[in-house]
N, C-alpha and C. Protein backbone atom coordinates (compact mmCIF):
# COMPACT_ATOMS: atom_id res chain seq x y z
N MET A 1 -30.64 -32.23 -28.00
CA MET A 1 -30.41 -30.94 -28.51
C MET A 1 -32.33 -30.43 -28.60
N GLU A 2 -32.52 -29.84 -27.56
CA GLU A 2 -34.16 -29.27 -27.94
C GLU A 2 -33.96 -27.99 -28.91
N ILE A 3 -34.59 -28.65 -30.05
CA ILE A 3 -34.78 -27.20 -31.20
C ILE A 3 -36.06 -26.60 -30.84
N LEU A 4 -36.13 -25.25 -31.06
CA LEU A 4 -37.09 -24.83 -30.26
C LEU A 4 -38.24 -23.81 -31.50
N GLY A 5 -37.21 -23.96 -32.73
CA GLY A 5 -38.17 -22.96 -33.89
C GLY A 5 -37.07 -22.97 -35.46
N ALA A 6 -37.26 -22.34 -36.26
CA ALA A 6 -36.14 -21.88 -37.28
C ALA A 6 -37.11 -20.92 -37.91
N THR A 7 -36.02 -19.57 -38.27
CA THR A 7 -36.14 -18.48 -38.87
C THR A 7 -35.55 -18.48 -40.40
N LEU A 8 -36.53 -17.97 -41.00
CA LEU A 8 -36.05 -17.70 -42.58
C LEU A 8 -35.34 -16.92 -42.62
N ARG A 9 -33.82 -16.87 -43.63
CA ARG A 9 -33.14 -15.73 -43.68
C ARG A 9 -33.21 -15.20 -45.14
N ILE A 10 -33.49 -13.82 -45.00
CA ILE A 10 -34.33 -13.46 -46.33
C ILE A 10 -32.82 -12.32 -46.73
N CYS A 11 -32.18 -11.83 -47.83
CA CYS A 11 -31.37 -11.05 -48.00
C CYS A 11 -32.25 -10.11 -49.20
N VAL A 12 -32.10 -8.77 -48.55
CA VAL A 12 -33.00 -7.74 -49.30
C VAL A 12 -32.40 -6.65 -49.78
N ASP A 13 -32.46 -5.98 -51.12
CA ASP A 13 -32.01 -4.66 -51.16
C ASP A 13 -32.18 -3.27 -50.64
N ASP A 14 -33.68 -3.37 -50.23
CA ASP A 14 -33.79 -1.84 -49.74
C ASP A 14 -34.76 -2.81 -47.99
N LEU A 15 -33.98 -2.66 -46.86
CA LEU A 15 -34.48 -3.58 -45.66
C LEU A 15 -35.62 -2.24 -45.24
N GLU A 16 -35.63 -0.79 -45.18
CA GLU A 16 -37.08 0.18 -44.84
C GLU A 16 -38.16 -0.16 -45.84
N ALA A 17 -37.92 -0.78 -46.77
CA ALA A 17 -38.87 -1.25 -48.03
C ALA A 17 -39.61 -2.11 -47.46
N SER A 18 -38.96 -3.09 -47.04
CA SER A 18 -39.43 -4.37 -47.19
C SER A 18 -39.85 -4.56 -45.68
N VAL A 19 -39.28 -4.05 -44.89
CA VAL A 19 -39.72 -4.45 -43.44
C VAL A 19 -41.18 -4.47 -43.17
N PRO A 20 -42.25 -3.18 -43.64
CA PRO A 20 -43.83 -3.35 -43.40
C PRO A 20 -44.45 -4.38 -43.75
N PHE A 21 -44.09 -4.63 -44.61
CA PHE A 21 -44.62 -6.03 -45.73
C PHE A 21 -44.64 -7.46 -44.71
N TYR A 22 -43.25 -7.43 -44.10
CA TYR A 22 -42.95 -8.20 -43.46
C TYR A 22 -43.68 -8.32 -41.98
N GLU A 23 -43.79 -7.27 -40.99
CA GLU A 23 -44.23 -6.79 -40.17
C GLU A 23 -46.22 -6.83 -40.06
N ARG A 24 -46.42 -6.73 -41.63
CA ARG A 24 -47.87 -6.96 -41.67
C ARG A 24 -48.22 -8.77 -41.75
N LEU A 25 -47.35 -9.14 -42.66
CA LEU A 25 -47.62 -10.56 -42.71
C LEU A 25 -47.34 -11.48 -41.32
N ALA A 26 -46.34 -10.99 -40.73
CA ALA A 26 -46.21 -11.56 -39.43
C ALA A 26 -46.98 -11.08 -38.12
N GLY A 27 -47.67 -9.77 -38.43
CA GLY A 27 -48.48 -9.22 -37.58
C GLY A 27 -47.54 -9.01 -36.03
N GLY A 28 -46.65 -8.17 -36.23
CA GLY A 28 -45.92 -7.77 -35.22
C GLY A 28 -44.92 -6.94 -35.48
N ARG A 29 -43.88 -6.41 -34.50
CA ARG A 29 -42.60 -5.06 -34.89
C ARG A 29 -41.57 -6.14 -35.06
N ALA A 30 -40.96 -5.11 -35.85
CA ALA A 30 -39.63 -5.74 -36.29
C ALA A 30 -38.47 -5.81 -34.92
N LEU A 31 -37.85 -6.35 -34.59
CA LEU A 31 -36.64 -6.05 -33.65
C LEU A 31 -35.06 -5.58 -34.77
N ARG A 32 -34.77 -4.80 -34.62
CA ARG A 32 -33.94 -4.09 -35.63
C ARG A 32 -32.03 -4.00 -35.02
N PHE A 33 -31.15 -4.55 -35.76
CA PHE A 33 -29.55 -4.19 -34.98
C PHE A 33 -29.04 -4.76 -36.57
N GLU A 34 -27.80 -4.15 -35.78
CA GLU A 34 -26.53 -4.45 -36.72
C GLU A 34 -25.70 -5.20 -36.60
N ARG A 35 -25.03 -5.86 -37.19
CA ARG A 35 -23.78 -6.94 -37.04
C ARG A 35 -23.33 -7.09 -38.89
N GLY A 36 -21.42 -6.95 -38.31
CA GLY A 36 -21.02 -6.91 -39.07
C GLY A 36 -20.94 -6.12 -40.03
N GLY A 37 -21.43 -4.53 -40.45
CA GLY A 37 -22.17 -3.83 -41.11
C GLY A 37 -23.23 -4.30 -41.99
N VAL A 38 -24.42 -5.21 -41.50
CA VAL A 38 -24.98 -5.74 -41.98
C VAL A 38 -26.41 -5.19 -41.28
N SER A 39 -27.38 -4.57 -41.74
CA SER A 39 -28.68 -4.42 -41.17
C SER A 39 -29.74 -5.25 -40.95
N VAL A 40 -30.29 -5.61 -39.92
CA VAL A 40 -31.12 -6.80 -39.51
C VAL A 40 -32.33 -6.45 -39.09
N ALA A 41 -33.33 -6.76 -39.36
CA ALA A 41 -34.89 -6.82 -38.97
C ALA A 41 -35.67 -7.89 -39.05
N ALA A 42 -35.74 -8.91 -37.44
CA ALA A 42 -35.94 -10.00 -37.15
C ALA A 42 -37.79 -9.77 -36.56
N VAL A 43 -38.26 -10.21 -37.41
CA VAL A 43 -39.77 -10.53 -37.74
C VAL A 43 -40.60 -11.47 -37.62
N GLY A 44 -40.83 -11.41 -36.46
CA GLY A 44 -41.81 -13.28 -36.70
C GLY A 44 -40.71 -14.23 -36.94
N CYS A 45 -41.10 -15.18 -37.90
CA CYS A 45 -40.29 -16.17 -38.22
C CYS A 45 -39.39 -15.93 -39.46
N PHE A 46 -39.52 -14.55 -39.77
CA PHE A 46 -38.38 -13.77 -40.90
C PHE A 46 -37.43 -13.20 -40.51
N LEU A 47 -35.77 -13.51 -41.07
CA LEU A 47 -34.94 -12.35 -40.32
C LEU A 47 -34.60 -11.67 -41.54
N LEU A 48 -34.61 -10.36 -41.90
CA LEU A 48 -34.24 -9.70 -43.02
C LEU A 48 -33.09 -9.06 -43.15
N MET A 49 -31.96 -9.29 -43.89
CA MET A 49 -30.60 -8.38 -43.75
C MET A 49 -30.70 -7.72 -45.16
N SER A 50 -29.95 -6.79 -44.67
CA SER A 50 -29.38 -5.90 -45.91
C SER A 50 -28.03 -4.95 -45.11
N GLY A 51 -27.23 -5.36 -46.85
CA GLY A 51 -25.74 -4.47 -46.44
C GLY A 51 -24.96 -4.81 -47.64
N PRO A 52 -24.06 -4.40 -47.23
CA PRO A 52 -22.82 -4.52 -48.53
C PRO A 52 -22.78 -5.89 -49.43
N GLU A 53 -22.93 -6.23 -50.57
CA GLU A 53 -23.01 -7.78 -51.38
C GLU A 53 -22.31 -8.72 -50.87
N ALA A 54 -20.54 -8.38 -50.32
CA ALA A 54 -19.98 -8.87 -49.96
C ALA A 54 -19.97 -10.04 -49.04
N GLU A 55 -20.88 -9.23 -47.94
CA GLU A 55 -21.41 -9.56 -46.76
C GLU A 55 -22.39 -10.51 -46.65
N LEU A 56 -23.43 -9.98 -47.84
CA LEU A 56 -24.40 -10.74 -48.05
C LEU A 56 -24.79 -12.08 -48.67
N ASP A 57 -23.37 -12.26 -49.19
CA ASP A 57 -22.67 -13.66 -50.47
C ASP A 57 -22.41 -14.49 -48.98
N ILE A 58 -22.17 -13.94 -48.26
CA ILE A 58 -21.84 -15.04 -47.07
C ILE A 58 -22.72 -15.22 -46.55
N LEU A 59 -23.99 -14.68 -45.76
CA LEU A 59 -24.97 -14.82 -44.97
C LEU A 59 -25.64 -15.69 -46.22
N ARG A 60 -26.01 -15.67 -47.29
CA ARG A 60 -26.85 -16.55 -48.19
C ARG A 60 -26.38 -18.06 -48.47
N LYS A 61 -25.32 -18.60 -47.74
CA LYS A 61 -24.36 -19.60 -47.86
C LYS A 61 -25.20 -20.25 -46.56
N VAL A 62 -25.93 -19.91 -45.35
CA VAL A 62 -26.57 -20.46 -44.25
C VAL A 62 -27.71 -20.49 -45.06
N ALA A 63 -28.47 -21.66 -44.50
CA ALA A 63 -29.81 -21.97 -45.31
C ALA A 63 -30.96 -21.53 -44.15
N ALA A 64 -30.47 -21.71 -42.97
CA ALA A 64 -31.79 -21.19 -42.23
C ALA A 64 -30.98 -21.34 -40.35
N THR A 65 -31.66 -20.09 -39.81
CA THR A 65 -31.22 -20.01 -38.46
C THR A 65 -32.22 -20.93 -37.51
N ILE A 66 -31.85 -21.86 -36.69
CA ILE A 66 -32.69 -22.52 -36.15
C ILE A 66 -32.13 -22.39 -34.37
N ALA A 67 -33.19 -22.20 -33.88
CA ALA A 67 -33.08 -21.70 -32.31
C ALA A 67 -33.28 -23.07 -31.45
N VAL A 68 -32.48 -23.14 -30.54
CA VAL A 68 -32.08 -24.06 -29.87
C VAL A 68 -32.26 -23.69 -28.75
N LYS A 69 -31.94 -24.73 -27.44
CA LYS A 69 -32.34 -24.17 -26.09
C LYS A 69 -30.88 -23.70 -25.68
N ASP A 70 -30.03 -24.46 -25.81
CA ASP A 70 -28.60 -24.05 -25.41
C ASP A 70 -27.47 -24.22 -26.57
N VAL A 71 -26.79 -23.70 -26.98
CA VAL A 71 -25.84 -23.87 -28.18
C VAL A 71 -24.42 -24.86 -27.77
N ASP A 72 -24.67 -24.52 -26.50
CA ASP A 72 -23.40 -25.59 -26.12
C ASP A 72 -23.94 -27.21 -26.35
N GLU A 73 -24.89 -27.36 -26.04
CA GLU A 73 -25.61 -28.76 -26.51
C GLU A 73 -25.49 -29.30 -27.79
N ALA A 74 -25.94 -27.86 -28.28
CA ALA A 74 -26.16 -28.12 -30.02
C ALA A 74 -24.61 -28.61 -30.80
N HIS A 75 -23.85 -27.73 -29.69
CA HIS A 75 -22.08 -28.00 -30.67
C HIS A 75 -22.01 -29.47 -30.02
N ARG A 76 -22.35 -29.89 -28.79
CA ARG A 76 -21.95 -31.45 -28.95
C ARG A 76 -22.70 -32.45 -29.48
N VAL A 77 -23.87 -32.13 -30.07
CA VAL A 77 -24.85 -32.93 -30.60
C VAL A 77 -24.32 -33.03 -32.19
N LEU A 78 -24.02 -31.70 -32.71
CA LEU A 78 -23.84 -31.80 -33.77
C LEU A 78 -22.31 -32.60 -34.08
N SER A 79 -21.34 -31.76 -33.72
CA SER A 79 -19.74 -32.44 -33.39
C SER A 79 -20.08 -33.98 -33.53
N GLU A 80 -21.06 -34.48 -32.11
CA GLU A 80 -20.55 -36.11 -32.41
C GLU A 80 -21.36 -36.97 -33.42
N SER A 81 -22.32 -35.94 -34.23
CA SER A 81 -23.17 -36.58 -35.58
C SER A 81 -22.54 -36.26 -36.65
N GLY A 82 -21.09 -35.68 -36.51
CA GLY A 82 -20.46 -35.73 -38.30
C GLY A 82 -20.73 -34.52 -38.70
N ALA A 83 -21.25 -33.52 -37.78
CA ALA A 83 -21.44 -32.21 -38.27
C ALA A 83 -19.80 -31.59 -38.17
N LEU A 84 -19.44 -31.03 -39.00
CA LEU A 84 -18.33 -29.56 -39.07
C LEU A 84 -18.66 -28.37 -38.32
N ILE A 85 -17.97 -27.47 -37.33
CA ILE A 85 -18.41 -26.42 -36.72
C ILE A 85 -17.39 -25.54 -37.44
N LEU A 86 -18.31 -24.45 -37.85
CA LEU A 86 -17.31 -23.75 -39.00
C LEU A 86 -17.27 -22.43 -38.01
N ALA A 87 -17.96 -22.05 -37.20
CA ALA A 87 -17.69 -20.80 -36.05
C ALA A 87 -18.44 -20.70 -35.01
N GLY A 88 -18.08 -20.40 -33.72
CA GLY A 88 -18.44 -20.28 -32.69
C GLY A 88 -18.52 -21.15 -31.98
N PRO A 89 -19.15 -21.47 -30.63
CA PRO A 89 -20.25 -20.54 -29.97
C PRO A 89 -19.42 -19.16 -29.99
N VAL A 90 -20.24 -18.10 -30.51
CA VAL A 90 -20.12 -16.71 -29.79
C VAL A 90 -21.22 -15.92 -29.16
N PRO A 91 -20.91 -14.86 -28.79
CA PRO A 91 -21.68 -13.78 -28.47
C PRO A 91 -22.48 -13.07 -29.26
N THR A 92 -23.78 -13.32 -29.59
CA THR A 92 -24.74 -11.86 -30.50
C THR A 92 -25.36 -11.16 -29.46
N PRO A 93 -26.05 -10.09 -30.62
CA PRO A 93 -26.74 -9.16 -29.52
C PRO A 93 -27.67 -9.68 -28.62
N VAL A 94 -28.68 -11.21 -28.91
CA VAL A 94 -29.58 -11.72 -28.69
C VAL A 94 -29.30 -12.95 -27.91
N GLY A 95 -27.96 -13.43 -27.79
CA GLY A 95 -28.10 -14.72 -27.13
C GLY A 95 -26.58 -14.86 -27.75
N ARG A 96 -26.20 -16.37 -27.83
CA ARG A 96 -25.00 -16.97 -28.23
C ARG A 96 -25.20 -17.62 -29.77
N ASN A 97 -24.30 -18.09 -30.69
CA ASN A 97 -24.77 -18.87 -31.82
C ASN A 97 -23.21 -19.40 -32.20
N LEU A 98 -24.08 -20.54 -33.02
CA LEU A 98 -22.61 -21.57 -33.92
C LEU A 98 -23.20 -21.75 -35.46
N ILE A 99 -21.90 -21.60 -36.45
CA ILE A 99 -22.39 -22.05 -37.27
C ILE A 99 -21.71 -23.39 -37.94
N ALA A 100 -22.35 -24.01 -38.38
CA ALA A 100 -22.35 -25.66 -38.64
C ALA A 100 -22.79 -26.21 -39.39
N ARG A 101 -21.85 -26.95 -40.69
CA ARG A 101 -21.95 -27.46 -41.49
C ARG A 101 -22.40 -29.07 -41.60
N HIS A 102 -23.42 -28.86 -41.93
CA HIS A 102 -24.14 -30.69 -42.04
C HIS A 102 -23.11 -31.71 -42.88
N PRO A 103 -23.45 -32.92 -42.33
CA PRO A 103 -22.53 -34.03 -43.64
C PRO A 103 -22.96 -34.10 -44.93
N ASP A 104 -24.34 -33.60 -45.34
CA ASP A 104 -25.06 -33.45 -46.40
C ASP A 104 -24.80 -32.08 -47.17
N GLY A 105 -23.51 -31.48 -46.49
CA GLY A 105 -22.86 -29.87 -46.97
C GLY A 105 -23.99 -28.74 -46.73
N ALA A 106 -25.26 -28.79 -45.98
CA ALA A 106 -25.89 -27.77 -46.07
C ALA A 106 -25.54 -27.18 -44.32
N VAL A 107 -25.56 -25.85 -44.61
CA VAL A 107 -24.69 -24.80 -43.67
C VAL A 107 -25.92 -24.19 -42.70
N TYR A 108 -26.15 -23.99 -41.39
CA TYR A 108 -27.10 -23.64 -40.28
C TYR A 108 -26.32 -22.89 -39.19
N GLU A 109 -27.27 -21.86 -39.35
CA GLU A 109 -26.95 -21.09 -37.86
C GLU A 109 -27.45 -21.61 -36.66
N TYR A 110 -27.26 -22.19 -35.61
CA TYR A 110 -27.84 -22.44 -34.09
C TYR A 110 -27.89 -21.38 -33.45
N VAL A 111 -28.53 -20.86 -32.79
CA VAL A 111 -28.86 -19.71 -31.52
C VAL A 111 -29.65 -20.00 -30.50
N ASP A 112 -29.15 -19.36 -29.24
CA ASP A 112 -30.12 -19.65 -28.25
C ASP A 112 -30.03 -18.04 -27.69
N ARG A 113 -30.83 -18.29 -26.56
CA ARG A 113 -30.74 -16.61 -25.92
C ARG A 113 -30.24 -16.62 -24.56
N ARG A 114 -29.25 -17.37 -24.43
CA ARG A 114 -28.76 -17.33 -23.15
C ARG A 114 -27.21 -16.25 -23.47
N ALA A 115 -27.59 -15.27 -22.19
CA ALA A 115 -26.35 -14.33 -22.22
C ALA A 115 -25.11 -15.15 -22.08
N ALA A 116 -24.07 -14.71 -22.51
CA ALA A 116 -22.78 -15.09 -22.55
C ALA A 116 -22.10 -14.96 -21.18
N GLU A 117 -21.45 -16.11 -20.98
CA GLU A 117 -21.18 -16.72 -19.79
C GLU A 117 -19.90 -16.19 -19.17
C-alpha cells in the first residue's frame, strides 16, 4: 500500500472564522464541500470541519486522514494486517474512502482520489 500523505482533522466551532487563518498558514485556498450535514474546508494538510455536535463527536474519533494510491489495496493490506474495517470503501466528493481501526485501537480514514467504478 502506497501512503501519499496525511491530513490533520480539526473540528471548529466557526468554519468561516477559521478558514482564513489556515489559508494563510498553508498558503492556499480552501476546497469546500458538505458531507452528512458537516461543512468541510480542506486547505493544505488541514481538514476543518464544522457542524452538529453529534456529527462532530463521531468525526473526532478518527485520528487522521491518510491519502493512499488505492483504497482497495489499503483495504486488503489493512485486513491482512489485523485492522478492522469499520466502513467502506465508499465514494466521496473527491474519490473513495474507508474507515479502519488498527489493532492498537486507533481509528483512521484512508482516502484515494480515484473515481468510483
